[in-house]
Amino acid sequence: MIGITRRMSVIISGLAVLALLVLWYAVTRAHLVSGLFFPSPQTVWQAFVSILQHGYKGISLWQHLGASLGRMLAAFLLAAVIAVPLGLLSGYEPRVRAVFEPMIEFYRPLPPLAYYALLVIWLGIGNGSKIALLFLACFAPIYVACVSAVIRIPPNYTRNAATLGASRFTIFIRVVFPMALPDVFGGLRIALGVGYTTLVAAEMVAARSGIGWMVLDASNFLRSDVIFVGIIIMAITGICLDQLLRFARRLCVPWEGKEI
């Protein structure tokens, strides 16, 4: 297989995005689809400029974005702080896994909206229920990734460390945690994506701000241009957050992909 440089990869990706924009422009220019349902790039840009200058429903774009990111990051960070150590410990100690895995596996396949009504009843219609929903959406992928990462570690690594006199705690800190770290970041990236897909659901009930709420409100008035703006903004912010996780992964796992 012929490898490509990073620069070439960026060029190819840029050309692919450009081709998609040209196709979008061509379809709307030829009026193949009604502009009510599929707005042109110019219409979406004008809607973005209007929201940037005047806000949406009396709230600035930055307030909408800040509200969504505040809910998302609060839930994501809380899920990471709890799920990473619990998942690693569950993978390392089967008795701990036997306690927590049934509960997590029970709710993990459930659609978020299935239990959102309960969260609203328990926590009210404020930010508490929204952050709790996002927390649950992020928690399971992180936990499962951490458990799987530890289970996949070859037993010889831990046995050799034990033979050399290392305690179970030392093995966990010096062997298990470093080897599981790449998969931990993989789980964090997956959880971030899952959380973002749940963001619109989290802002469905009694929200008056947030990008997800803006998209939902615009759908009630068939403002497809605003919907496109919201979707594009969420995609861009999601990509930026994912890039931050990739950067953190390169800093924390410098040995990944290198021969040791």
Protein backbone atom coordinates (compact mmCIF):
# COMPACT_ATOMS: atom_id res chain seq x y z
CA MET A 1 0.00 0.00 0.00
CA ILE A 2 1.37 3.38 -0.97
CA GLY A 3 1.47 5.81 1.94
CA ILE A 4 0.62 9.47 1.67
CA THR A 5 2.07 12.40 3.55
CA ARG A 6 0.04 14.42 6.03
CA ARG A 7 0.13 17.37 3.66
CA MET A 8 -1.27 15.27 0.82
CA SER A 9 -3.99 13.95 3.13
CA VAL A 10 -5.01 17.52 4.02
CA ILE A 11 -5.12 18.46 0.32
CA ILE A 12 -7.31 15.46 -0.52
CA SER A 13 -9.65 16.24 2.36
CA GLY A 14 -9.87 19.87 1.28
CA LEU A 15 -10.70 18.87 -2.29
CA ALA A 16 -13.39 16.47 -1.04
CA VAL A 17 -15.01 19.26 1.00
CA LEU A 18 -14.77 21.64 -1.95
CA ALA A 19 -16.40 19.06 -4.24
CA LEU A 20 -19.24 18.65 -1.74
CA LEU A 21 -19.79 22.43 -1.64
CA VAL A 22 -19.79 22.62 -5.44
CA LEU A 23 -22.34 19.78 -5.60
CA TRP A 24 -24.49 21.56 -2.99
CA TYR A 25 -24.35 24.79 -4.99
CA ALA A 26 -25.12 23.00 -8.28
CA VAL A 27 -28.16 21.17 -6.86
CA THR A 28 -29.66 24.34 -5.39
CA ARG A 29 -28.73 26.43 -8.43
CA ALA A 30 -30.56 23.98 -10.70
CA HIS A 31 -33.59 24.09 -8.36
CA LEU A 32 -33.67 20.30 -8.16
CA VAL A 33 -34.95 20.61 -4.59
CA SER A 34 -37.16 23.28 -3.09
CA GLY A 35 -35.20 25.95 -1.23
CA LEU A 36 -37.67 25.61 1.64
CA PHE A 37 -36.25 22.17 2.44
CA PHE A 38 -32.73 22.43 1.04
CA PRO A 39 -31.35 26.00 1.14
CA SER A 40 -28.49 27.18 -1.01
CA PRO A 41 -25.03 27.90 0.43
CA GLN A 42 -25.68 31.63 -0.05
CA THR A 43 -28.91 31.45 1.96
CA VAL A 44 -27.21 29.55 4.77
CA TRP A 45 -24.36 32.06 4.82
CA GLN A 46 -26.82 34.97 5.01
CA ALA A 47 -28.63 33.28 7.89
CA PHE A 48 -25.32 32.78 9.69
CA VAL A 49 -24.36 36.44 9.25
CA SER A 50 -27.79 37.53 10.47
CA ILE A 51 -27.59 35.33 13.58
CA LEU A 52 -24.02 36.46 14.21
CA GLN A 53 -25.07 40.11 14.08
CA HIS A 54 -28.52 39.99 15.67
CA GLY A 55 -28.69 36.66 17.46
CA TYR A 56 -31.61 34.25 17.37
CA LYS A 57 -34.79 34.93 19.34
CA GLY A 58 -33.07 37.73 21.23
CA ILE A 59 -30.05 35.68 22.28
CA SER A 60 -26.65 36.07 20.66
CA LEU A 61 -24.98 33.22 18.82
CA TRP A 62 -22.18 33.13 21.39
CA GLN A 63 -24.72 32.73 24.22
CA HIS A 64 -26.38 29.86 22.37
CA LEU A 65 -23.01 28.23 21.73
CA GLY A 66 -21.84 28.85 25.28
CA ALA A 67 -25.00 27.30 26.74
CA SER A 68 -24.61 24.15 24.65
CA LEU A 69 -20.88 23.80 25.26
CA GLY A 70 -21.35 24.46 28.98
CA ARG A 71 -23.85 21.62 29.29
CA MET A 72 -21.81 19.31 27.06
CA LEU A 73 -18.42 19.89 28.68
CA ALA A 74 -19.79 19.71 32.24
CA ALA A 75 -21.37 16.33 31.52
CA PHE A 76 -18.40 15.03 29.52
CA LEU A 77 -15.78 15.96 32.11
CA LEU A 78 -17.87 14.53 34.95
CA ALA A 79 -18.36 11.29 33.00
CA ALA A 80 -14.63 11.05 32.24
CA VAL A 81 -13.60 11.68 35.86
CA ILE A 82 -15.87 8.88 37.09
CA ALA A 83 -15.94 6.39 34.19
CA VAL A 84 -12.19 6.21 33.47
CA PRO A 85 -11.01 5.03 36.93
CA LEU A 86 -14.13 2.91 37.42
CA GLY A 87 -13.74 1.28 33.99
CA LEU A 88 -10.04 0.57 34.48
CA LEU A 89 -10.68 -0.85 37.93
CA SER A 90 -13.55 -2.98 36.60
CA GLY A 91 -11.33 -4.37 33.88
CA TYR A 92 -8.58 -5.14 36.38
CA GLU A 93 -10.77 -6.55 39.13
CA PRO A 94 -13.58 -8.92 38.00
CA ARG A 95 -15.50 -8.51 41.28
CA VAL A 96 -15.83 -4.77 40.72
CA ARG A 97 -16.93 -5.42 37.14
CA ALA A 98 -19.58 -7.86 38.36
CA VAL A 99 -21.09 -5.11 40.51
CA PHE A 100 -21.30 -2.29 37.96
CA GLU A 101 -21.51 -3.97 34.55
CA PRO A 102 -25.14 -5.21 34.82
CA MET A 103 -26.43 -1.71 35.58
CA ILE A 104 -24.41 -0.08 32.81
CA GLU A 105 -25.30 -2.76 30.27
CA PHE A 106 -28.98 -2.33 31.21
CA TYR A 107 -29.20 1.35 30.32
CA ARG A 108 -26.50 1.51 27.63
CA PRO A 109 -28.70 0.30 24.72
CA LEU A 110 -31.61 2.55 25.73
CA PRO A 111 -32.31 5.61 23.55
CA PRO A 112 -31.65 8.77 25.62
CA LEU A 113 -35.22 10.00 25.20
CA ALA A 114 -36.48 6.77 26.80
CA TYR A 115 -35.22 7.85 30.23
CA TYR A 116 -35.13 11.62 29.76
CA ALA A 117 -38.72 11.88 31.04
CA LEU A 118 -37.63 10.28 34.32
CA LEU A 119 -34.69 12.66 34.63
CA VAL A 120 -37.02 15.63 34.16
CA ILE A 121 -39.34 14.27 36.87
CA TRP A 122 -36.45 13.69 39.26
CA LEU A 123 -34.27 16.74 38.51
CA GLY A 124 -36.69 19.26 37.04
CA ILE A 125 -36.60 21.04 33.70
CA GLY A 126 -33.44 23.06 34.37
CA ASN A 127 -29.86 22.31 33.42
CA GLY A 128 -29.65 19.48 35.95
CA SER A 129 -31.70 17.03 33.89
CA LYS A 130 -29.94 18.06 30.67
CA ILE A 131 -26.46 17.57 32.13
CA ALA A 132 -27.56 14.25 33.65
CA LEU A 133 -28.80 13.04 30.26
CA LEU A 134 -25.52 13.98 28.58
CA PHE A 135 -23.57 12.44 31.46
CA LEU A 136 -25.32 9.10 31.03
CA ALA A 137 -24.82 9.24 27.26
CA CYS A 138 -21.05 9.82 27.70
CA PHE A 139 -20.50 7.51 30.66
CA ALA A 140 -21.23 4.12 29.05
CA PRO A 141 -18.86 4.43 26.03
CA ILE A 142 -16.00 5.55 28.27
CA TYR A 143 -16.60 2.77 30.78
CA VAL A 144 -16.87 0.04 28.12
CA ALA A 145 -13.72 1.26 26.32
CA CYS A 146 -11.73 1.26 29.58
CA VAL A 147 -12.88 -2.22 30.57
CA SER A 148 -12.10 -3.61 27.12
CA ALA A 149 -8.68 -1.93 27.12
CA VAL A 150 -7.65 -3.63 30.35
CA ILE A 151 -9.05 -7.03 29.40
CA ARG A 152 -7.08 -7.00 26.12
CA ILE A 153 -3.73 -6.53 27.86
CA PRO A 154 -1.69 -9.75 27.39
CA PRO A 155 -1.53 -11.65 30.73
CA ASN A 156 2.23 -12.11 30.33
CA TYR A 157 2.78 -8.40 31.01
CA THR A 158 1.12 -8.49 34.43
CA ARG A 159 2.59 -11.90 35.27
CA ASN A 160 6.12 -10.75 34.50
CA ALA A 161 5.65 -7.65 36.66
CA ALA A 162 4.31 -9.79 39.52
CA THR A 163 7.27 -12.17 39.15
CA LEU A 164 9.61 -9.23 39.62
CA GLY A 165 7.89 -8.42 42.92
CA ALA A 166 5.49 -5.67 41.87
CA SER A 167 2.35 -5.30 43.97
CA ARG A 168 -1.13 -5.30 42.38
CA PHE A 169 -1.33 -1.54 42.85
CA THR A 170 2.08 -1.04 41.21
CA ILE A 171 1.08 -3.30 38.32
CA PHE A 172 -2.10 -1.29 37.86
CA ILE A 173 -0.28 2.06 37.83
CA ARG A 174 2.89 1.06 35.94
CA VAL A 175 1.59 -1.59 33.52
CA VAL A 176 -2.19 -1.60 33.15
CA PHE A 177 -2.85 2.14 33.04
CA PRO A 178 -0.17 3.05 30.44
CA MET A 179 -1.14 0.16 28.16
CA ALA A 180 -4.84 1.01 28.37
CA LEU A 181 -4.34 4.75 27.81
CA PRO A 182 -4.65 4.72 23.99
CA ASP A 183 -8.00 2.93 24.19
CA VAL A 184 -9.10 5.27 26.99
CA PHE A 185 -8.70 8.22 24.64
CA GLY A 186 -10.54 6.26 21.97
CA GLY A 187 -13.44 5.85 24.38
CA LEU A 188 -13.36 9.56 25.21
CA ARG A 189 -13.61 10.45 21.53
CA ILE A 190 -16.54 8.09 21.04
CA ALA A 191 -18.27 9.48 24.14
CA LEU A 192 -17.83 13.03 22.87
CA GLY A 193 -19.56 12.09 19.62
CA VAL A 194 -22.38 10.30 21.42
CA GLY A 195 -22.82 13.27 23.74
CA TYR A 196 -23.08 15.67 20.83
CA THR A 197 -25.74 13.52 19.15
CA THR A 198 -27.69 13.64 22.42
CA LEU A 199 -27.33 17.40 22.79
CA VAL A 200 -30.43 18.20 20.75
CA ALA A 201 -32.49 15.78 22.86
CA ALA A 202 -31.11 17.37 26.03
CA GLU A 203 -32.29 20.80 24.89
CA MET A 204 -35.76 19.68 23.81
CA VAL A 205 -37.46 20.26 27.16
CA ALA A 206 -37.92 23.78 28.50
CA ALA A 207 -34.69 25.15 27.06
CA ARG A 208 -34.52 28.72 25.80
CA SER A 209 -30.95 28.73 24.61
CA GLY A 210 -28.38 26.45 23.03
CA ILE A 211 -27.50 25.43 19.49
CA GLY A 212 -29.59 22.29 19.78
CA TRP A 213 -32.60 24.32 20.93
CA MET A 214 -32.03 26.77 18.08
CA VAL A 215 -32.17 23.91 15.55
CA LEU A 216 -35.34 22.51 17.10
CA ASP A 217 -37.03 25.90 17.28
CA ALA A 218 -36.11 26.67 13.67
CA SER A 219 -37.63 23.35 12.57
CA ASN A 220 -40.99 24.44 13.98
CA PHE A 221 -41.00 27.37 11.54
CA LEU A 222 -39.44 25.49 8.59
CA ARG A 223 -36.31 27.68 8.84
CA SER A 224 -34.07 25.17 7.08
CA ASP A 225 -31.36 27.82 6.66
CA VAL A 226 -31.11 28.23 10.44
CA ILE A 227 -31.16 24.46 10.85
CA PHE A 228 -28.19 24.17 8.48
CA VAL A 229 -26.37 26.92 10.39
CA GLY A 230 -26.90 25.11 13.69
CA ILE A 231 -25.82 21.75 12.28
CA ILE A 232 -22.67 23.22 10.73
CA ILE A 233 -21.77 25.04 13.97
CA MET A 234 -22.23 21.86 16.00
CA ALA A 235 -20.12 19.93 13.50
CA ILE A 236 -17.30 22.48 13.59
CA THR A 237 -17.26 22.73 17.39
CA GLY A 238 -17.38 18.93 17.61
CA ILE A 239 -14.40 18.65 15.27
CA CYS A 240 -12.48 21.24 17.33
CA LEU A 241 -13.15 19.36 20.57
CA ASP A 242 -12.13 16.10 18.93
CA GLN A 243 -8.89 17.69 17.75
CA LEU A 244 -8.20 18.80 21.33
CA LEU A 245 -8.61 15.18 22.46
CA ARG A 246 -6.27 14.02 19.69
CA PHE A 247 -3.70 16.59 20.80
CA ALA A 248 -4.03 15.44 24.42
CA ARG A 249 -3.62 11.85 23.25
CA ARG A 250 -0.36 12.69 21.46
CA LEU A 251 0.92 14.39 24.62
CA CYS A 252 -0.12 11.63 27.02
CA VAL A 253 0.68 8.64 24.77
CA PRO A 254 3.88 9.64 22.96
CA TRP A 255 4.90 6.00 22.53
CA GLU A 256 1.83 5.02 20.52
CA GLY A 257 2.68 3.81 17.03
CA LYS A 258 6.40 3.59 17.80
CA GLU A 259 8.49 0.47 18.15
CA ILE A 260 9.65 -0.09 21.71
